[in-house]
PDB file of N, CA and C in Angstrom:
ATOM      1  N   UNK A   1      23.922 -57.409  42.693  1.00  0.00           N
ATOM      2  CA  UNK A   1      23.871 -58.634  41.913  1.00  0.00           C
ATOM      3  C   UNK A   1      22.947 -58.488  40.712  1.00  0.00           C
ATOM      4  N   UNK A   2      22.499 -57.302  40.404  1.00  0.00           N
ATOM      5  CA  UNK A   2      21.508 -57.175  39.351  1.00  0.00           C
ATOM      6  C   UNK A   2      22.092 -57.369  37.963  1.00  0.00           C
ATOM      7  N   UNK A   3      23.380 -57.121  37.790  1.00  0.00           N
ATOM      8  CA  UNK A   3      23.957 -57.239  36.455  1.00  0.00           C
ATOM      9  C   UNK A   3      24.731 -58.540  36.293  1.00  0.00           C
ATOM     10  N   UNK A   4      24.265 -59.619  36.935  1.00  0.00           N
ATOM     11  CA  UNK A   4      24.915 -60.921  36.829  1.00  0.00           C
ATOM     12  C   UNK A   4      23.991 -61.890  36.096  1.00  0.00           C
ATOM     13  N   UNK A   5      24.572 -62.690  35.218  1.00  0.00           N
ATOM     14  CA  UNK A   5      23.826 -63.722  34.507  1.00  0.00           C
ATOM     15  C   UNK A   5      23.745 -64.962  35.388  1.00  0.00           C
ATOM     16  N   UNK A   6      22.542 -65.536  35.522  1.00  0.00           N
ATOM     17  CA  UNK A   6      22.370 -66.721  36.346  1.00  0.00           C
ATOM     18  C   UNK A   6      22.949 -67.964  35.693  1.00  0.00           C
ATOM     19  N   UNK A   7      23.071 -67.983  34.379  1.00  0.00           N
ATOM     20  CA  UNK A   7      23.541 -69.173  33.676  1.00  0.00           C
ATOM     21  C   UNK A   7      25.058 -69.161  33.523  1.00  0.00           C
ATOM     22  N   UNK A   8      25.607 -68.081  32.987  1.00  0.00           N
ATOM     23  CA  UNK A   8      27.037 -68.037  32.709  1.00  0.00           C
ATOM     24  C   UNK A   8      27.840 -67.373  33.807  1.00  0.00           C
ATOM     25  N   UNK A   9      27.192 -66.611  34.685  1.00  0.00           N
ATOM     26  CA  UNK A   9      27.911 -65.906  35.736  1.00  0.00           C
ATOM     27  C   UNK A   9      28.576 -64.630  35.268  1.00  0.00           C
ATOM     28  N   UNK A  10      28.259 -64.194  34.065  1.00  0.00           N
ATOM     29  CA  UNK A  10      28.870 -62.969  33.560  1.00  0.00           C
ATOM     30  C   UNK A  10      28.478 -61.790  34.430  1.00  0.00           C
ATOM     31  N   UNK A  11      29.468 -60.945  34.709  1.00  0.00           N
ATOM     32  CA  UNK A  11      29.291 -59.775  35.561  1.00  0.00           C
ATOM     33  C   UNK A  11      29.891 -58.571  34.844  1.00  0.00           C
ATOM     34  N   UNK A  12      29.645 -57.371  35.350  1.00  0.00           N
ATOM     35  CA  UNK A  12      30.218 -56.200  34.699  1.00  0.00           C
ATOM     36  C   UNK A  12      31.741 -56.240  34.686  1.00  0.00           C
ATOM     37  N   UNK A  13      32.301 -55.717  33.605  1.00  0.00           N
ATOM     38  CA  UNK A  13      33.743 -55.546  33.516  1.00  0.00           C
ATOM     39  C   UNK A  13      34.087 -54.107  33.821  1.00  0.00           C
ATOM     40  N   UNK A  14      35.250 -53.884  34.396  1.00  0.00           N
ATOM     41  CA  UNK A  14      35.645 -52.542  34.799  1.00  0.00           C
ATOM     42  C   UNK A  14      36.921 -52.150  34.077  1.00  0.00           C
ATOM     43  N   UNK A  15      37.069 -50.858  33.846  1.00  0.00           N
ATOM     44  CA  UNK A  15      38.265 -50.370  33.177  1.00  0.00           C
ATOM     45  C   UNK A  15      38.267 -48.861  33.146  1.00  0.00           C
ATOM     46  N   UNK A  16      39.021 -48.313  32.224  1.00  0.00           N
ATOM     47  CA  UNK A  16      39.157 -46.868  32.099  1.00  0.00           C
ATOM     48  C   UNK A  16      38.559 -46.382  30.793  1.00  0.00           C
ATOM     49  N   UNK A  17      37.902 -45.236  30.877  1.00  0.00           N
ATOM     50  CA  UNK A  17      37.498 -44.509  29.686  1.00  0.00           C
ATOM     51  C   UNK A  17      38.662 -43.576  29.364  1.00  0.00           C
ATOM     52  N   UNK A  18      39.201 -43.665  28.164  1.00  0.00           N
ATOM     53  CA  UNK A  18      40.382 -42.879  27.811  1.00  0.00           C
ATOM     54  C   UNK A  18      39.967 -41.824  26.790  1.00  0.00           C
ATOM     55  N   UNK A  19      40.094 -40.577  27.176  1.00  0.00           N
ATOM     56  CA  UNK A  19      39.753 -39.474  26.294  1.00  0.00           C
ATOM     57  C   UNK A  19      40.879 -39.235  25.291  1.00  0.00           C
ATOM     58  N   UNK A  20      40.610 -38.402  24.323  1.00  0.00           N
ATOM     59  CA  UNK A  20      41.621 -38.078  23.316  1.00  0.00           C
ATOM     60  C   UNK A  20      42.866 -37.469  23.960  1.00  0.00           C
ATOM     61  N   UNK A  21      42.660 -36.756  25.066  1.00  0.00           N
ATOM     62  CA  UNK A  21      43.784 -36.136  25.778  1.00  0.00           C
ATOM     63  C   UNK A  21      44.491 -37.120  26.714  1.00  0.00           C
ATOM     64  N   UNK A  22      44.112 -38.407  26.642  1.00  0.00           N
ATOM     65  CA  UNK A  22      44.658 -39.480  27.481  1.00  0.00           C
ATOM     66  C   UNK A  22      44.239 -39.372  28.947  1.00  0.00           C
ATOM     67  N   UNK A  23      43.234 -38.561  29.244  1.00  0.00           N
ATOM     68  CA  UNK A  23      42.685 -38.474  30.596  1.00  0.00           C
ATOM     69  C   UNK A  23      41.869 -39.733  30.846  1.00  0.00           C
ATOM     70  N   UNK A  24      42.081 -40.359  32.003  1.00  0.00           N
ATOM     71  CA  UNK A  24      41.417 -41.635  32.294  1.00  0.00           C
ATOM     72  C   UNK A  24      40.419 -41.480  33.422  1.00  0.00           C
ATOM     73  N   UNK A  25      39.202 -41.982  33.186  1.00  0.00           N
ATOM     74  CA  UNK A  25      38.175 -42.050  34.231  1.00  0.00           C
ATOM     75  C   UNK A  25      37.624 -43.460  34.237  1.00  0.00           C
ATOM     76  N   UNK A  26      37.146 -43.899  35.390  1.00  0.00           N
ATOM     77  CA  UNK A  26      36.657 -45.270  35.534  1.00  0.00           C
ATOM     78  C   UNK A  26      35.326 -45.457  34.820  1.00  0.00           C
ATOM     79  N   UNK A  27      35.114 -46.633  34.277  1.00  0.00           N
ATOM     80  CA  UNK A  27      33.847 -46.973  33.627  1.00  0.00           C
ATOM     81  C   UNK A  27      33.590 -48.448  33.815  1.00  0.00           C
ATOM     82  N   UNK A  28      32.396 -48.890  33.434  1.00  0.00           N
ATOM     83  CA  UNK A  28      32.081 -50.319  33.508  1.00  0.00           C
ATOM     84  C   UNK A  28      31.313 -50.748  32.283  1.00  0.00           C
ATOM     85  N   UNK A  29      31.519 -51.998  31.894  1.00  0.00           N
ATOM     86  CA  UNK A  29      30.821 -52.615  30.770  1.00  0.00           C
ATOM     87  C   UNK A  29      29.815 -53.596  31.354  1.00  0.00           C
ATOM     88  N   UNK A  30      28.535 -53.308  31.187  1.00  0.00           N
ATOM     89  CA  UNK A  30      27.497 -54.198  31.701  1.00  0.00           C
ATOM     90  C   UNK A  30      27.202 -55.293  30.677  1.00  0.00           C
ATOM     91  N   UNK A  31      26.975 -56.531  31.153  1.00  0.00           N
ATOM     92  CA  UNK A  31      26.552 -57.583  30.223  1.00  0.00           C
ATOM     93  C   UNK A  31      25.116 -57.328  29.763  1.00  0.00           C
ATOM     94  N   UNK A  32      24.762 -57.903  28.635  1.00  0.00           N
ATOM     95  CA  UNK A  32      23.427 -57.723  28.059  1.00  0.00           C
ATOM     96  C   UNK A  32      22.447 -58.650  28.787  1.00  0.00           C
ATOM     97  N   UNK A  33      21.941 -58.200  29.934  1.00  0.00           N
ATOM     98  CA  UNK A  33      21.072 -59.007  30.789  1.00  0.00           C
ATOM     99  C   UNK A  33      19.617 -58.857  30.352  1.00  0.00           C
ATOM    100  N   UNK A  34      18.953 -59.985  30.180  1.00  0.00           N
ATOM    101  CA  UNK A  34      17.537 -60.025  29.813  1.00  0.00           C
ATOM    102  C   UNK A  34      16.777 -60.833  30.855  1.00  0.00           C
ATOM    103  N   UNK A  35      15.555 -60.466  31.130  1.00  0.00           N
ATOM    104  CA  UNK A  35      14.691 -61.249  32.002  1.00  0.00           C
ATOM    105  C   UNK A  35      13.834 -62.139  31.109  1.00  0.00           C
ATOM    106  N   UNK A  36      14.119 -63.449  31.130  1.00  0.00           N
ATOM    107  CA  UNK A  36      13.449 -64.388  30.229  1.00  0.00           C
ATOM    108  C   UNK A  36      12.634 -65.390  31.039  1.00  0.00           C
ATOM    109  N   UNK A  37      11.487 -65.792  30.499  1.00  0.00           N
ATOM    110  CA  UNK A  37      10.645 -66.807  31.106  1.00  0.00           C
ATOM    111  C   UNK A  37      10.720 -68.057  30.254  1.00  0.00           C
ATOM    112  N   UNK A  38      11.034 -69.183  30.893  1.00  0.00           N
ATOM    113  CA  UNK A  38      11.128 -70.476  30.210  1.00  0.00           C
ATOM    114  C   UNK A  38      10.139 -71.443  30.840  1.00  0.00           C
ATOM    115  N   UNK A  39       9.602 -72.332  30.021  1.00  0.00           N
ATOM    116  CA  UNK A  39       8.665 -73.345  30.498  1.00  0.00           C
ATOM    117  C   UNK A  39       9.426 -74.635  30.769  1.00  0.00           C
ATOM    118  N   UNK A  40       9.241 -75.181  31.981  1.00  0.00           N
ATOM    119  CA  UNK A  40       9.844 -76.461  32.355  1.00  0.00           C
ATOM    120  C   UNK A  40       8.796 -77.553  32.210  1.00  0.00           C
ATOM    121  N   UNK A  41       8.858 -78.363  31.159  1.00  0.00           N
ATOM    122  CA  UNK A  41       7.835 -79.394  30.960  1.00  0.00           C
ATOM    123  C   UNK A  41       7.823 -80.452  32.063  1.00  0.00           C
ATOM    124  N   UNK A  42       8.991 -80.742  32.642  1.00  0.00           N
ATOM    125  CA  UNK A  42       9.044 -81.787  33.673  1.00  0.00           C
ATOM    126  C   UNK A  42       8.301 -81.383  34.934  1.00  0.00           C
ATOM    127  N   UNK A  43       8.225 -80.068  35.211  1.00  0.00           N
ATOM    128  CA  UNK A  43       7.526 -79.596  36.402  1.00  0.00           C
ATOM    129  C   UNK A  43       6.193 -78.944  36.080  1.00  0.00           C
ATOM    130  N   UNK A  44       5.935 -78.713  34.804  1.00  0.00           N
ATOM    131  CA  UNK A  44       4.674 -78.093  34.397  1.00  0.00           C
ATOM    132  C   UNK A  44       4.543 -76.658  34.853  1.00  0.00           C
ATOM    133  N   UNK A  45       5.643 -75.941  34.933  1.00  0.00           N
ATOM    134  CA  UNK A  45       5.585 -74.548  35.370  1.00  0.00           C
ATOM    135  C   UNK A  45       6.630 -73.733  34.617  1.00  0.00           C
ATOM    136  N   UNK A  46       6.539 -72.416  34.793  1.00  0.00           N
ATOM    137  CA  UNK A  46       7.481 -71.504  34.153  1.00  0.00           C
ATOM    138  C   UNK A  46       8.485 -70.996  35.178  1.00  0.00           C
ATOM    139  N   UNK A  47       9.690 -70.711  34.713  1.00  0.00           N
ATOM    140  CA  UNK A  47      10.718 -70.110  35.564  1.00  0.00           C
ATOM    141  C   UNK A  47      11.233 -68.844  34.891  1.00  0.00           C
ATOM    142  N   UNK A  48      11.511 -67.829  35.708  1.00  0.00           N
ATOM    143  CA  UNK A  48      12.063 -66.579  35.199  1.00  0.00           C
ATOM    144  C   UNK A  48      13.541 -66.543  35.542  1.00  0.00           C
ATOM    145  N   UNK A  49      14.370 -66.294  34.535  1.00  0.00           N
ATOM    146  CA  UNK A  49      15.807 -66.244  34.725  1.00  0.00           C
ATOM    147  C   UNK A  49      16.351 -64.914  34.227  1.00  0.00           C
ATOM    148  N   UNK A  50      17.359 -64.392  34.933  1.00  0.00           N
ATOM    149  CA  UNK A  50      18.098 -63.218  34.472  1.00  0.00           C
ATOM    150  C   UNK A  50      19.316 -63.749  33.734  1.00  0.00           C
ATOM    151  N   UNK A  51      19.267 -63.695  32.410  1.00  0.00           N
ATOM    152  CA  UNK A  51      20.330 -64.292  31.599  1.00  0.00           C
ATOM    153  C   UNK A  51      20.905 -63.261  30.638  1.00  0.00           C
ATOM    154  N   UNK A  52      22.168 -63.447  30.306  1.00  0.00           N
ATOM    155  CA  UNK A  52      22.817 -62.615  29.301  1.00  0.00           C
ATOM    156  C   UNK A  52      22.492 -63.187  27.921  1.00  0.00           C
ATOM    157  N   UNK A  53      22.882 -62.472  26.892  1.00  0.00           N
ATOM    158  CA  UNK A  53      22.666 -62.958  25.528  1.00  0.00           C
ATOM    159  C   UNK A  53      23.413 -64.270  25.315  1.00  0.00           C
ATOM    160  N   UNK A  54      24.608 -64.391  25.888  1.00  0.00           N
ATOM    161  CA  UNK A  54      25.364 -65.636  25.803  1.00  0.00           C
ATOM    162  C   UNK A  54      24.639 -66.746  26.564  1.00  0.00           C
ATOM    163  N   UNK A  55      24.010 -66.413  27.705  1.00  0.00           N
ATOM    164  CA  UNK A  55      23.251 -67.398  28.473  1.00  0.00           C
ATOM    165  C   UNK A  55      22.055 -67.927  27.699  1.00  0.00           C
ATOM    166  N   UNK A  56      21.417 -67.075  26.913  1.00  0.00           N
ATOM    167  CA  UNK A  56      20.293 -67.504  26.079  1.00  0.00           C
ATOM    168  C   UNK A  56      20.778 -68.514  25.047  1.00  0.00           C
ATOM    169  N   UNK A  57      21.959 -68.267  24.474  1.00  0.00           N
ATOM    170  CA  UNK A  57      22.522 -69.196  23.502  1.00  0.00           C
ATOM    171  C   UNK A  57      22.873 -70.530  24.147  1.00  0.00           C
ATOM    172  N   UNK A  58      23.350 -70.494  25.400  1.00  0.00           N
ATOM    173  CA  UNK A  58      23.667 -71.728  26.122  1.00  0.00           C
ATOM    174  C   UNK A  58      22.396 -72.532  26.358  1.00  0.00           C
ATOM    175  N   UNK A  59      21.306 -71.848  26.738  1.00  0.00           N
ATOM    176  CA  UNK A  59      20.027 -72.532  26.968  1.00  0.00           C
ATOM    177  C   UNK A  59      19.511 -73.124  25.659  1.00  0.00           C
ATOM    178  N   UNK A  60      19.638 -72.400  24.557  1.00  0.00           N
ATOM    179  CA  UNK A  60      19.210 -72.928  23.258  1.00  0.00           C
ATOM    180  C   UNK A  60      20.028 -74.163  22.866  1.00  0.00           C
ATOM    181  N   UNK A  61      21.315 -74.153  23.213  1.00  0.00           N
ATOM    182  CA  UNK A  61      22.194 -75.259  22.844  1.00  0.00           C
ATOM    183  C   UNK A  61      21.964 -76.486  23.729  1.00  0.00           C
ATOM    184  N   UNK A  62      21.926 -76.301  25.052  1.00  0.00           N
ATOM    185  CA  UNK A  62      21.870 -77.424  25.996  1.00  0.00           C
ATOM    186  C   UNK A  62      20.457 -77.817  26.397  1.00  0.00           C
ATOM    187  N   UNK A  63      19.510 -76.898  26.289  1.00  0.00           N
ATOM    188  CA  UNK A  63      18.147 -77.156  26.727  1.00  0.00           C
ATOM    189  C   UNK A  63      17.909 -76.614  28.128  1.00  0.00           C
ATOM    190  N   UNK A  64      16.693 -76.166  28.376  1.00  0.00           N
ATOM    191  CA  UNK A  64      16.367 -75.544  29.657  1.00  0.00           C
ATOM    192  C   UNK A  64      16.433 -76.544  30.800  1.00  0.00           C
ATOM    193  N   UNK A  65      16.065 -77.797  30.550  1.00  0.00           N
ATOM    194  CA  UNK A  65      16.093 -78.812  31.618  1.00  0.00           C
ATOM    195  C   UNK A  65      17.520 -79.036  32.120  1.00  0.00           C
ATOM    196  N   UNK A  66      18.475 -79.147  31.198  1.00  0.00           N
ATOM    197  CA  UNK A  66      19.866 -79.370  31.581  1.00  0.00           C
ATOM    198  C   UNK A  66      20.440 -78.162  32.315  1.00  0.00           C
ATOM    199  N   UNK A  67      20.082 -76.969  31.860  1.00  0.00           N
ATOM    200  CA  UNK A  67      20.599 -75.754  32.487  1.00  0.00           C
ATOM    201  C   UNK A  67      20.032 -75.602  33.897  1.00  0.00           C
ATOM    202  N   UNK A  68      18.733 -75.860  34.072  1.00  0.00           N
ATOM    203  CA  UNK A  68      18.126 -75.767  35.403  1.00  0.00           C
ATOM    204  C   UNK A  68      18.707 -76.827  36.329  1.00  0.00           C
ATOM    205  N   UNK A  69      18.958 -78.018  35.824  1.00  0.00           N
ATOM    206  CA  UNK A  69      19.582 -79.060  36.637  1.00  0.00           C
ATOM    207  C   UNK A  69      20.977 -78.629  37.079  1.00  0.00           C
ATOM    208  N   UNK A  70      21.740 -77.998  36.184  1.00  0.00           N
ATOM    209  CA  UNK A  70      23.077 -77.510  36.524  1.00  0.00           C
ATOM    210  C   UNK A  70      23.006 -76.403  37.571  1.00  0.00           C
ATOM    211  N   UNK A  71      22.029 -75.495  37.428  1.00  0.00           N
ATOM    212  CA  UNK A  71      21.874 -74.418  38.409  1.00  0.00           C
ATOM    213  C   UNK A  71      21.521 -74.971  39.788  1.00  0.00           C
ATOM    214  N   UNK A  72      20.627 -75.939  39.830  1.00  0.00           N
ATOM    215  CA  UNK A  72      20.239 -76.526  41.118  1.00  0.00           C
ATOM    216  C   UNK A  72      21.410 -77.280  41.753  1.00  0.00           C
ATOM    217  N   UNK A  73      22.215 -77.940  40.923  1.00  0.00           N
ATOM    218  CA  UNK A  73      23.387 -78.643  41.438  1.00  0.00           C
ATOM    219  C   UNK A  73      24.368 -77.654  42.071  1.00  0.00           C
ATOM    220  N   UNK A  74      24.428 -76.445  41.515  1.00  0.00           N
ATOM    221  CA  UNK A  74      25.328 -75.420  42.048  1.00  0.00           C
ATOM    222  C   UNK A  74      24.720 -74.658  43.226  1.00  0.00           C
ATOM    223  N   UNK A  75      23.475 -75.002  43.591  1.00  0.00           N
ATOM    224  CA  UNK A  75      22.866 -74.409  44.778  1.00  0.00           C
ATOM    225  C   UNK A  75      22.003 -73.185  44.527  1.00  0.00           C
ATOM    226  N   UNK A  76      21.647 -72.901  43.268  1.00  0.00           N
ATOM    227  CA  UNK A  76      20.791 -71.761  42.958  1.00  0.00           C
ATOM    228  C   UNK A  76      19.342 -72.186  43.115  1.00  0.00           C
ATOM    229  N   UNK A  77      18.549 -71.372  43.835  1.00  0.00           N
ATOM    230  CA  UNK A  77      17.129 -71.697  44.030  1.00  0.00           C
ATOM    231  C   UNK A  77      16.347 -71.243  42.811  1.00  0.00           C
ATOM    232  N   UNK A  78      15.666 -72.169  42.145  1.00  0.00           N
ATOM    233  CA  UNK A  78      14.877 -71.868  40.953  1.00  0.00           C
ATOM    234  C   UNK A  78      13.403 -72.063  41.274  1.00  0.00           C
TER     235      UNK A  78
END
């Protein structure tokens, strides 16, 4: 579960690496996961989240309070 975003749920994508000779081998595309610390003013504490770059944009757009409320509603322990 290390390459999963807590906000968007993005996970690695899988596919084939195709060489010039058309030889195919399996590969994976990892999301851009960052460990970010956010301050929750309502609780007076900080929370650490594993978020993708897209998840950071979602937090900037919706606000950390709304995102944490959504995560708790979905059953994620914060």
